[in-house]
């Protein structure tokens, strides 16, 4: 959920970028067989993304 400038500051190694403003349009491209970890700077966007994914997928997300 980090923006490109935030990803330059820090990111989870091996992670893929999907900013929150693109999640609704692109969530179906996410893997269904892997845990999805949502990360942002403060936790607010991550929580929003995790709620969205939980209501639209059966993949575990946090």
Foldseek 3Di string as FASTA:
>chain_A
DEDVVVVVVDDDPPDDDDDLVCCVVCVVVDDQPDEAEFDYDPCPSRVVSQVVCVVPHPHHYD
